[in-house]
Amino acid sequence: MPSLLLINPRFPESFWSFRWAIDHVLPGKKAVNPPLGLATLAALCPALWRVEIIDENIEPIPPTTDADIVGVCGMGVQFERQRELLAHYRDQGHYVVAGGSYASLCPDEYTEAADTVVAGEAEYVWPEFCRDFEAGTPKPLYHETGTVALADTPVPRYDLLRLGAYSNVTLQFSRGCPFRCEFCDIIVMFGRRPRVKDLDQIEKELDQLRRFGARSVFFVDDNLIGNPKEAKDLLRFLAEYQRHHGYMFSFGTEASLNMAQDDELLELFRAANFGWVFIGIETTDPVGLKETGKTQNLREDTLTAIRRIYSHGIDVLGGFIIGFDHDTLDTFEHQYRFITDAGIQSAMIGLLMALPRTPLHARMEREGRLLPVERHSDNTSLTTNIVPKCMTAEAMAAGYQMLYGRLLTGPEIGRRIRNKAAYLRVPVYGSGYPMGQRVGIVVRLLVRGILSGGLTTMVPFLRSFPFLTPSRIPMVISDWIIGLSMKAFAERHLTGTARRREAD
């Protein structure tokens, strides 16, 4: 029977890596999230196939292998490393297969790099490839163009992942999003009609994760509430599951801002023990939101919506974009004020990028405003692949540097915590670590982050620490870890602070 090696290439460092936290604070962790797609692909293989998963983000890639097939996945930011690995194993005589989100968007870019390219969702085309490979007749391209029923998705092979090396474990309930954000590639890949798994599938996956001792679980759906009725059914099920199993899981997910207008939905999120949601806020400028088609964020004042989510004990991680057509240099000040007032610690700000096959990409191409860049899927660098309208690219990059330099000082991290705490009074969030590890995390944070930062970090930390409300301590500790981790990345890659220190 054939043997298969599946590889997740290393990611270039970004804000999402939380490298400082992984290296200096969290016990035994190597990365944030495991490669759920590869675990699902492994479950789609014939039962007798021998399958191994290697994640280069937590362990070295073997220079040689006895596998018959080497499959390498990749997002856009992993593309260069993905091609390196495909070439390396192909030169050794292995049959190499490329897949992942970037291969789904741009399969033509892999024609010369791989023997076979798998584009789109894998539930139907991957078993077809496996059958063809066993018969000696694999095709160069397997492209899913139809609709995949998620009832046909197997329980991922979590047993092939080193789950303890990740700060979260991952599962997926739905694919697709009903909205039409111009810059987003989700509806290109998964469509606008959200599809969901059966609740018994979710139960089986949670049972597996429970057996492996997982505690912090990230639903990787791009919009968990894309179908509100199905989402509420899921949340009711999760609340009952949590009650039955002692609330061992702390959940997080991605959702759209319109969740704030549904009190029943917010109560269900709290009952199911969701401690946080990541929301694409992008901008608070109504003109920019209309321009990019993000009308779901126009239903009420954004700050009011965020604070209502806080009032249900749920923390908000926010995504922001600068570079919409009506953005000016004043936009940086508006973003600063909102992020500060909202108390959003994990504020992932990026410069607008036109991803392949998105409506934005097509428009920029029509308008002659598309620029060639090497890493067009990394919007946390100082480059963009579009020509901005109301400022120069150089001014936009400089404003981006200044904004992060302003947000990521000790006093500003502490200020956001205090602003959030005024509305997030009874957080759902729990650390997910046993008591001994929690003590170790706090000690390492204090020694390696707070004390080493001097008075400009120690004083804001003490001012933000909830001495009289112990239930908020996990949230505050988490926010300081996030803030200092983002600060460390920005100093190395964006603001130039670390280089200036070395020069001094």
Protein backbone atom coordinates (compact mmCIF):
# COMPACT_ATOMS: atom_id res chain seq x y z
CA MET A 1 0.00 0.00 0.00
CA PRO A 2 1.24 3.56 -0.72
CA SER A 3 2.71 5.73 2.00
CA LEU A 4 2.09 9.45 2.26
CA LEU A 5 3.99 12.27 3.94
CA LEU A 6 1.95 15.46 4.43
CA ILE A 7 3.85 18.66 5.19
CA ASN A 8 2.73 22.04 6.49
CA PRO A 9 5.52 24.49 5.52
CA ARG A 10 6.73 27.06 8.01
CA PHE A 11 4.98 30.40 8.04
CA PRO A 12 6.98 33.60 7.80
CA GLU A 13 6.72 35.40 11.12
CA SER A 14 3.75 37.72 11.46
CA PHE A 15 1.53 39.12 14.20
CA TRP A 16 -0.43 35.86 13.97
CA SER A 17 2.65 33.85 15.00
CA PHE A 18 2.79 35.31 18.54
CA ARG A 19 6.43 34.23 18.44
CA TRP A 20 7.48 36.02 21.61
CA ALA A 21 4.68 34.39 23.60
CA ILE A 22 5.45 30.95 22.18
CA ASP A 23 9.19 31.25 22.83
CA HIS A 24 9.19 32.99 26.20
CA VAL A 25 5.93 32.53 28.08
CA LEU A 26 3.72 29.59 27.09
CA PRO A 27 4.82 26.18 28.43
CA GLY A 28 5.98 23.70 25.80
CA LYS A 29 4.19 25.38 22.91
CA LYS A 30 5.69 25.68 19.43
CA ALA A 31 2.89 27.26 17.38
CA VAL A 32 -0.62 28.62 17.70
CA ASN A 33 -2.79 26.30 15.55
CA PRO A 34 -2.27 22.82 14.08
CA PRO A 35 -2.81 22.07 10.35
CA LEU A 36 -6.44 20.94 10.48
CA GLY A 37 -6.63 20.63 6.69
CA LEU A 38 -3.87 18.00 6.62
CA ALA A 39 -5.51 16.05 9.45
CA THR A 40 -8.75 16.04 7.42
CA LEU A 41 -6.90 15.00 4.27
CA ALA A 42 -5.30 12.12 6.18
CA ALA A 43 -8.75 10.94 7.24
CA LEU A 44 -9.81 10.87 3.58
CA CYS A 45 -7.03 8.45 2.66
CA PRO A 46 -7.69 4.72 2.15
CA ALA A 47 -7.61 2.86 5.46
CA LEU A 48 -4.50 0.85 4.59
CA TRP A 49 -2.37 3.81 3.55
CA ARG A 50 0.45 4.79 5.89
CA VAL A 51 0.17 8.51 6.58
CA GLU A 52 2.46 10.90 8.47
CA ILE A 53 2.00 14.62 9.11
CA ILE A 54 4.94 16.96 9.67
CA ASP A 55 4.39 20.59 10.63
CA GLU A 56 7.55 22.59 9.99
CA ASN A 57 6.29 25.23 12.43
CA ILE A 58 6.89 22.86 15.35
CA GLU A 59 9.50 20.37 14.10
CA PRO A 60 12.18 20.06 11.42
CA ILE A 61 11.38 18.66 7.99
CA PRO A 62 13.04 15.28 7.34
CA PRO A 63 15.67 15.68 4.61
CA THR A 64 14.77 12.26 3.24
CA THR A 65 11.71 10.02 3.45
CA ASP A 66 10.60 6.60 2.28
CA ALA A 67 7.11 7.89 1.48
CA ASP A 68 5.78 7.22 -2.00
CA ILE A 69 3.90 10.53 -2.08
CA VAL A 70 4.83 13.85 -0.50
CA GLY A 71 1.96 16.32 -0.22
CA VAL A 72 2.72 19.93 0.65
CA CYS A 73 -0.08 22.36 1.56
CA GLY A 74 0.18 26.11 1.70
CA MET A 75 -1.45 29.47 2.12
CA GLY A 76 -0.25 32.41 0.04
CA VAL A 77 2.38 33.43 2.59
CA GLN A 78 3.79 29.89 2.51
CA PHE A 79 4.05 29.74 -1.28
CA GLU A 80 7.83 30.16 -1.63
CA ARG A 81 8.60 27.59 1.04
CA GLN A 82 5.97 25.26 -0.42
CA ARG A 83 7.70 25.38 -3.79
CA GLU A 84 11.09 24.74 -2.17
CA LEU A 85 9.79 21.60 -0.47
CA LEU A 86 8.06 20.32 -3.60
CA ALA A 87 11.30 20.73 -5.56
CA HIS A 88 13.37 19.11 -2.81
CA TYR A 89 11.33 15.92 -2.63
CA ARG A 90 10.68 15.76 -6.36
CA ASP A 91 14.44 15.83 -6.97
CA GLN A 92 14.68 12.77 -4.71
CA GLY A 93 12.26 10.90 -6.94
CA HIS A 94 9.10 11.20 -4.86
CA TYR A 95 5.69 11.91 -6.35
CA VAL A 96 4.80 15.38 -5.11
CA VAL A 97 1.34 16.87 -4.68
CA ALA A 98 0.52 20.54 -4.03
CA GLY A 99 -2.63 21.67 -2.29
CA GLY A 100 -4.02 24.19 0.14
CA SER A 101 -5.77 27.52 -0.12
CA TYR A 102 -3.30 29.16 -2.49
CA ALA A 103 -3.30 26.19 -4.85
CA SER A 104 -7.09 26.43 -4.81
CA LEU A 105 -6.96 30.08 -5.84
CA CYS A 106 -4.04 29.84 -8.28
CA PRO A 107 -3.53 26.23 -9.42
CA ASP A 108 -1.68 27.36 -12.55
CA GLU A 109 1.21 28.63 -10.44
CA TYR A 110 2.00 25.04 -9.41
CA THR A 111 2.00 23.41 -12.84
CA GLU A 112 5.79 23.19 -13.04
CA ALA A 113 6.33 22.57 -9.33
CA ALA A 114 4.14 19.52 -8.64
CA ASP A 115 3.21 16.24 -10.28
CA THR A 116 -0.38 16.77 -9.16
CA VAL A 117 -2.23 19.85 -7.97
CA VAL A 118 -5.33 19.49 -5.77
CA ALA A 119 -7.48 22.61 -5.95
CA GLY A 120 -10.62 23.32 -3.96
CA GLU A 121 -12.23 21.30 -1.20
CA ALA A 122 -10.77 17.81 -0.87
CA GLU A 123 -13.63 15.56 0.28
CA TYR A 124 -14.36 14.19 -3.20
CA VAL A 125 -11.27 14.88 -5.30
CA TRP A 126 -8.68 13.52 -2.86
CA PRO A 127 -10.18 10.00 -2.70
CA GLU A 128 -10.31 10.15 -6.50
CA PHE A 129 -6.61 10.95 -6.60
CA CYS A 130 -5.88 8.10 -4.18
CA ARG A 131 -7.74 5.62 -6.39
CA ASP A 132 -5.97 6.89 -9.49
CA PHE A 133 -2.56 6.72 -7.82
CA GLU A 134 -3.13 3.12 -6.78
CA ALA A 135 -4.12 2.34 -10.38
CA GLY A 136 -1.02 4.10 -11.70
CA THR A 137 -3.03 6.80 -13.51
CA PRO A 138 -2.87 10.00 -11.41
CA LYS A 139 -3.89 13.19 -13.21
CA PRO A 140 -1.97 16.47 -13.05
CA LEU A 141 -4.98 18.39 -11.69
CA TYR A 142 -7.92 17.54 -9.45
CA HIS A 143 -10.15 20.57 -9.17
CA GLU A 144 -13.33 20.56 -7.11
CA THR A 145 -15.84 22.83 -8.82
CA GLY A 146 -19.04 21.46 -7.30
CA THR A 147 -20.63 21.76 -3.89
CA VAL A 148 -19.23 19.60 -1.10
CA ALA A 149 -21.68 18.40 1.55
CA LEU A 150 -19.90 18.70 4.89
CA ALA A 151 -21.77 15.60 6.05
CA ASP A 152 -19.16 13.80 3.92
CA THR A 153 -16.26 15.24 5.93
CA PRO A 154 -14.62 12.64 8.20
CA VAL A 155 -13.36 13.18 11.72
CA PRO A 156 -9.82 14.60 11.26
CA ARG A 157 -6.86 12.39 12.16
CA TYR A 158 -6.05 14.30 15.33
CA ASP A 159 -3.93 11.34 16.36
CA LEU A 160 -1.39 12.31 13.69
CA LEU A 161 -0.90 15.79 15.17
CA ARG A 162 1.25 16.73 18.16
CA LEU A 163 -1.63 18.63 19.74
CA GLY A 164 0.28 19.47 22.90
CA ALA A 165 2.68 21.63 20.88
CA TYR A 166 -0.06 24.12 19.98
CA SER A 167 -1.72 26.77 22.10
CA ASN A 168 -5.08 25.94 20.44
CA VAL A 169 -6.58 22.93 18.77
CA THR A 170 -8.87 23.47 15.80
CA LEU A 171 -12.09 22.18 14.33
CA GLN A 172 -14.54 23.42 11.71
CA PHE A 173 -18.32 23.58 11.69
CA SER A 174 -19.09 25.52 8.50
CA ARG A 175 -17.69 26.81 5.23
CA GLY A 176 -18.85 29.87 3.33
CA CYS A 177 -20.04 33.35 4.20
CA PRO A 178 -23.17 35.21 3.05
CA PHE A 179 -21.53 38.62 2.75
CA ARG A 180 -19.83 40.30 -0.21
CA CYS A 181 -16.70 41.99 1.12
CA GLU A 182 -14.79 43.08 -1.96
CA PHE A 183 -11.34 42.15 -0.65
CA CYS A 184 -12.21 38.70 0.72
CA ASP A 185 -11.34 35.38 -0.94
CA ILE A 186 -13.57 33.24 1.30
CA ILE A 187 -16.62 33.50 -0.92
CA VAL A 188 -14.38 32.76 -3.92
CA MET A 189 -13.29 29.46 -2.40
CA PHE A 190 -16.35 28.40 -0.40
CA GLY A 191 -19.30 30.37 -1.75
CA ARG A 192 -21.93 32.58 -0.15
CA ARG A 193 -24.26 29.84 1.07
CA PRO A 194 -22.79 28.53 4.33
CA ARG A 195 -22.69 24.74 4.61
CA VAL A 196 -22.48 23.02 7.97
CA LYS A 197 -21.58 19.71 9.56
CA ASP A 198 -24.12 17.64 11.46
CA LEU A 199 -24.03 18.04 15.20
CA ASP A 200 -23.15 14.39 15.66
CA GLN A 201 -20.00 15.05 13.60
CA ILE A 202 -19.05 17.88 15.94
CA GLU A 203 -19.72 15.63 18.92
CA LYS A 204 -17.37 12.97 17.55
CA GLU A 205 -14.64 15.54 16.98
CA LEU A 206 -15.04 17.00 20.46
CA ASP A 207 -14.96 13.51 21.94
CA GLN A 208 -11.66 12.91 20.16
CA LEU A 209 -10.20 16.20 21.39
CA ARG A 210 -11.40 15.49 24.91
CA ARG A 211 -9.63 12.14 24.86
CA PHE A 212 -6.43 13.89 23.81
CA GLY A 213 -6.77 16.33 26.70
CA ALA A 214 -7.42 19.45 24.62
CA ARG A 215 -8.79 22.48 26.45
CA SER A 216 -8.55 25.56 24.21
CA VAL A 217 -10.50 25.00 20.97
CA PHE A 218 -10.65 27.35 17.99
CA PHE A 219 -13.54 26.97 15.54
CA VAL A 220 -11.76 28.02 12.35
CA ASP A 221 -14.93 28.89 10.46
CA ASP A 222 -14.46 32.16 8.62
CA ASN A 223 -17.86 33.24 9.93
CA LEU A 224 -19.42 30.89 12.45
CA ILE A 225 -22.72 32.79 12.32
CA GLY A 226 -22.98 32.88 8.53
CA ASN A 227 -26.15 30.82 8.93
CA PRO A 228 -27.60 32.18 12.21
CA LYS A 229 -30.14 29.39 12.68
CA GLU A 230 -27.55 26.64 12.27
CA ALA A 231 -25.14 28.59 14.48
CA LYS A 232 -27.70 28.79 17.28
CA ASP A 233 -28.36 25.07 17.02
CA LEU A 234 -24.62 24.46 17.30
CA LEU A 235 -24.27 26.75 20.31
CA ARG A 236 -27.19 25.09 22.10
CA PHE A 237 -25.57 21.72 21.47
CA LEU A 238 -22.18 22.98 22.69
CA ALA A 239 -23.71 24.41 25.87
CA GLU A 240 -25.27 21.03 26.66
CA TYR A 241 -22.03 19.23 25.79
CA GLN A 242 -20.10 21.53 28.10
CA ARG A 243 -22.53 20.97 30.97
CA HIS A 244 -22.26 17.22 30.49
CA HIS A 245 -18.46 17.26 30.43
CA GLY A 246 -17.68 19.83 33.11
CA TYR A 247 -16.98 22.80 30.82
CA MET A 248 -13.57 21.47 29.95
CA PHE A 249 -13.37 23.42 26.69
CA SER A 250 -12.74 27.13 26.25
CA PHE A 251 -13.89 28.10 22.75
CA GLY A 252 -13.01 30.89 20.36
CA THR A 253 -14.01 31.57 16.77
CA GLU A 254 -14.40 34.09 13.95
CA ALA A 255 -17.72 35.84 13.40
CA SER A 256 -19.20 38.95 11.83
CA LEU A 257 -20.07 42.10 13.76
CA ASN A 258 -23.81 41.64 13.27
CA MET A 259 -23.69 39.10 16.12
CA ALA A 260 -23.91 42.15 18.41
CA GLN A 261 -27.51 42.83 17.36
CA ASP A 262 -28.76 39.38 18.39
CA ASP A 263 -29.05 39.08 22.17
CA GLU A 264 -30.10 35.43 21.99
CA LEU A 265 -26.99 34.63 19.96
CA LEU A 266 -24.77 36.42 22.46
CA GLU A 267 -26.34 34.55 25.37
CA LEU A 268 -25.77 31.26 23.55
CA PHE A 269 -22.12 32.12 22.92
CA ARG A 270 -21.68 32.73 26.62
CA ALA A 271 -23.56 29.57 27.62
CA ALA A 272 -21.32 27.48 25.34
CA ASN A 273 -18.20 29.00 26.96
CA PHE A 274 -16.88 31.07 24.07
CA GLY A 275 -14.29 33.36 25.58
CA TRP A 276 -13.43 35.33 22.44
CA VAL A 277 -14.37 36.06 18.85
CA PHE A 278 -12.28 37.49 16.04
CA ILE A 279 -14.25 40.09 14.08
CA GLY A 280 -13.34 41.80 10.85
CA ILE A 281 -13.98 45.42 11.81
CA GLU A 282 -11.72 46.79 9.04
CA THR A 283 -12.73 50.46 9.46
CA THR A 284 -15.28 52.54 11.32
CA ASP A 285 -15.66 54.89 8.34
CA PRO A 286 -19.13 54.30 6.81
CA VAL A 287 -17.86 55.42 3.40
CA GLY A 288 -15.08 52.82 3.48
CA LEU A 289 -17.46 50.08 4.62
CA LYS A 290 -19.91 50.84 1.82
CA GLU A 291 -17.08 51.02 -0.68
CA THR A 292 -15.81 47.56 0.19
CA GLY A 293 -19.26 45.97 0.52
CA LYS A 294 -19.05 45.32 4.26
CA THR A 295 -22.61 46.45 4.93
CA GLN A 296 -23.06 44.11 7.91
CA ASN A 297 -20.90 46.54 9.90
CA LEU A 298 -23.22 49.46 9.21
CA ARG A 299 -26.14 48.35 11.35
CA GLU A 300 -25.12 50.41 14.36
CA ASP A 301 -22.22 52.32 15.83
CA THR A 302 -19.24 49.95 15.91
CA LEU A 303 -18.07 50.91 19.40
CA THR A 304 -21.58 50.31 20.77
CA ALA A 305 -21.63 46.88 19.12
CA ILE A 306 -18.23 45.89 20.54
CA ARG A 307 -19.21 46.97 24.04
CA ARG A 308 -22.45 44.97 23.85
CA ILE A 309 -20.41 41.86 23.02
CA TYR A 310 -18.17 42.66 26.00
CA SER A 311 -21.22 42.93 28.23
CA HIS A 312 -21.88 39.23 27.61
CA GLY A 313 -18.38 38.35 28.83
CA ILE A 314 -16.94 37.75 25.35
CA ASP A 315 -13.63 39.30 24.35
CA VAL A 316 -13.15 40.75 20.86
CA LEU A 317 -10.07 40.34 18.69
CA GLY A 318 -10.26 42.73 15.76
CA GLY A 319 -9.07 42.84 12.18
CA PHE A 320 -8.46 46.28 10.63
CA ILE A 321 -7.50 47.43 7.15
CA ILE A 322 -5.99 50.67 5.92
CA GLY A 323 -5.88 51.53 2.24
CA PHE A 324 -9.50 51.76 1.11
CA ASP A 325 -10.06 54.29 -1.65
CA HIS A 326 -11.33 57.02 0.68
CA ASP A 327 -8.71 56.45 3.39
CA THR A 328 -6.37 59.38 4.03
CA LEU A 329 -3.55 60.02 6.46
CA ASP A 330 -6.25 61.00 8.98
CA THR A 331 -7.40 57.34 8.90
CA PHE A 332 -4.47 56.33 11.08
CA GLU A 333 -5.66 58.66 13.84
CA HIS A 334 -9.24 57.37 13.52
CA GLN A 335 -8.02 53.76 13.79
CA TYR A 336 -5.89 54.60 16.82
CA ARG A 337 -8.77 56.28 18.63
CA PHE A 338 -11.22 53.47 17.96
CA ILE A 339 -8.84 50.65 18.92
CA THR A 340 -7.96 52.51 22.12
CA ASP A 341 -11.54 53.37 23.07
CA ALA A 342 -12.70 49.82 22.30
CA GLY A 343 -9.84 48.30 24.28
CA ILE A 344 -9.02 45.80 21.53
CA GLN A 345 -5.66 44.29 22.45
CA SER A 346 -5.30 41.90 19.55
CA ALA A 347 -5.74 44.55 16.87
CA MET A 348 -4.49 42.98 13.65
CA ILE A 349 -4.05 45.95 11.33
CA GLY A 350 -3.04 45.35 7.74
CA LEU A 351 -2.58 47.32 4.56
CA LEU A 352 -5.20 46.54 1.95
CA MET A 353 -4.10 43.75 -0.40
CA ALA A 354 -5.89 42.58 -3.53
CA LEU A 355 -5.91 38.78 -3.33
CA PRO A 356 -6.15 36.76 -6.56
CA ARG A 357 -9.66 36.15 -7.95
CA THR A 358 -11.34 38.57 -5.53
CA PRO A 359 -13.58 41.40 -6.80
CA LEU A 360 -11.00 43.87 -5.46
CA HIS A 361 -8.25 42.26 -7.53
CA ALA A 362 -10.40 42.46 -10.66
CA ARG A 363 -11.23 46.12 -10.00
CA MET A 364 -7.63 47.10 -9.33
CA GLU A 365 -6.62 45.36 -12.56
CA ARG A 366 -9.31 47.22 -14.53
CA GLU A 367 -8.23 50.53 -13.03
CA GLY A 368 -4.55 49.91 -13.66
CA ARG A 369 -3.77 50.08 -9.94
CA LEU A 370 -2.40 46.57 -9.39
CA LEU A 371 1.26 46.32 -8.39
CA PRO A 372 3.51 43.22 -8.49
CA VAL A 373 4.66 42.11 -5.03
CA GLU A 374 6.24 38.87 -3.86
CA ARG A 375 4.04 38.18 -0.84
CA HIS A 376 0.62 39.47 -1.81
CA SER A 377 -1.08 37.44 0.92
CA ASP A 378 0.84 39.10 3.76
CA ASN A 379 -0.95 42.30 4.67
CA THR A 380 1.10 42.86 7.83
CA SER A 381 4.22 43.91 5.94
CA LEU A 382 5.06 47.43 4.77
CA THR A 383 4.00 46.79 1.18
CA THR A 384 0.75 46.56 -0.72
CA ASN A 385 -0.10 45.45 -4.24
CA ILE A 386 -2.50 48.33 -4.92
CA VAL A 387 -1.96 51.99 -5.70
CA PRO A 388 -3.81 53.93 -2.96
CA LYS A 389 -5.98 56.86 -4.05
CA CYS A 390 -5.68 59.47 -1.31
CA MET A 391 -2.10 59.05 -0.14
CA THR A 392 1.14 57.71 -1.51
CA ALA A 393 2.22 54.14 -0.81
CA GLU A 394 5.26 55.51 1.03
CA ALA A 395 3.12 57.72 3.27
CA MET A 396 0.77 54.82 3.95
CA ALA A 397 3.67 52.57 5.00
CA ALA A 398 5.10 55.29 7.24
CA GLY A 399 1.71 55.90 8.85
CA TYR A 400 1.34 52.15 9.42
CA GLN A 401 4.69 52.02 11.20
CA MET A 402 3.80 55.00 13.37
CA LEU A 403 0.39 53.58 14.28
CA TYR A 404 1.83 50.33 15.57
CA GLY A 405 4.66 52.14 17.32
CA ARG A 406 2.02 54.23 19.07
CA LEU A 407 -0.28 51.34 20.02
CA LEU A 408 2.33 48.96 21.37
CA THR A 409 3.89 50.85 24.25
CA GLY A 410 3.38 49.70 27.82
CA PRO A 411 1.06 52.60 28.72
CA GLU A 412 -1.08 52.01 25.64
CA ILE A 413 -1.39 48.26 26.28
CA GLY A 414 -2.50 49.01 29.83
CA ARG A 415 -4.91 51.73 28.70
CA ARG A 416 -6.70 49.35 26.34
CA ILE A 417 -7.05 46.77 29.09
CA ARG A 418 -8.65 49.33 31.39
CA ASN A 419 -10.97 50.59 28.67
CA LYS A 420 -12.14 47.07 27.91
CA ALA A 421 -12.52 46.09 31.56
CA ALA A 422 -15.07 48.88 32.05
CA TYR A 423 -17.46 46.91 29.83
CA LEU A 424 -16.17 43.32 29.99
CA ARG A 425 -16.85 42.88 33.69
CA VAL A 426 -17.43 39.10 33.91
CA PRO A 427 -15.27 37.46 31.24
CA VAL A 428 -15.96 33.95 30.02
CA TYR A 429 -12.31 33.51 29.09
CA GLY A 430 -10.25 31.01 31.06
CA SER A 431 -6.62 30.19 30.42
CA GLY A 432 -7.21 26.49 29.70
CA TYR A 433 -4.02 25.59 31.60
CA PRO A 434 -3.83 23.68 34.90
CA MET A 435 -2.93 25.72 37.97
CA GLY A 436 0.77 24.82 38.00
CA GLN A 437 1.23 25.91 34.39
CA ARG A 438 -0.77 29.09 35.01
CA VAL A 439 1.60 30.09 37.79
CA GLY A 440 4.56 29.41 35.49
CA ILE A 441 3.02 31.55 32.74
CA VAL A 442 2.52 34.48 35.11
CA VAL A 443 6.07 34.18 36.49
CA ARG A 444 7.60 34.08 33.00
CA LEU A 445 5.46 37.03 31.89
CA LEU A 446 6.56 39.06 34.90
CA VAL A 447 10.26 38.24 34.53
CA ARG A 448 10.63 38.25 30.75
CA GLY A 449 8.06 40.86 29.82
CA ILE A 450 6.96 43.16 32.64
CA LEU A 451 10.07 43.60 34.79
CA SER A 452 12.42 43.62 31.82
CA GLY A 453 10.35 46.42 30.30
CA GLY A 454 11.21 48.78 33.13
CA LEU A 455 8.91 51.32 34.73
CA THR A 456 7.18 52.15 31.44
CA THR A 457 5.81 48.59 31.47
CA MET A 458 5.62 47.82 35.20
CA VAL A 459 3.51 50.85 36.14
CA PRO A 460 0.86 50.28 33.41
CA PHE A 461 0.76 46.60 34.32
CA LEU A 462 0.05 47.36 37.97
CA ARG A 463 -2.56 49.96 37.02
CA SER A 464 -4.37 47.42 34.81
CA PHE A 465 -4.16 44.45 37.17
CA PRO A 466 -7.57 43.50 38.65
CA PHE A 467 -6.55 43.02 42.29
CA LEU A 468 -10.17 43.25 43.49
CA THR A 469 -11.74 41.11 40.73
CA PRO A 470 -9.77 37.84 40.42
CA SER A 471 -12.10 36.52 37.72
CA ARG A 472 -10.56 39.04 35.31
CA ILE A 473 -6.96 38.00 35.96
CA PRO A 474 -6.75 35.40 33.11
CA MET A 475 -8.01 37.96 30.62
CA VAL A 476 -5.57 40.64 31.79
CA ILE A 477 -2.62 38.24 31.73
CA SER A 478 -3.63 37.10 28.24
CA ASP A 479 -3.88 40.69 27.03
CA TRP A 480 -0.41 41.54 28.30
CA ILE A 481 1.02 38.45 26.61
CA ILE A 482 -0.70 39.42 23.36
CA GLY A 483 0.36 43.05 23.58
CA LEU A 484 4.01 42.30 24.36
CA SER A 485 4.16 39.61 21.69
CA MET A 486 2.81 42.01 19.07
CA LYS A 487 5.23 44.66 20.30
CA ALA A 488 8.18 42.30 19.87
CA PHE A 489 7.13 41.48 16.31
CA ALA A 490 6.57 45.13 15.39
CA GLU A 491 9.95 46.14 16.76
CA ARG A 492 11.70 43.47 14.68
CA HIS A 493 9.79 43.84 11.44
CA LEU A 494 7.87 47.12 11.26
CA THR A 495 8.92 50.01 13.43
CA GLY A 496 12.68 49.49 13.36
CA THR A 497 12.95 49.92 17.14
CA ALA A 498 14.94 46.73 17.63
CA ARG A 499 17.41 47.69 14.90
CA ARG A 500 17.90 51.13 16.44
CA ARG A 501 18.56 49.55 19.83
CA GLU A 502 21.17 47.24 18.32
CA ALA A 503 22.82 50.21 16.59
CA ASP A 504 22.97 52.12 19.87
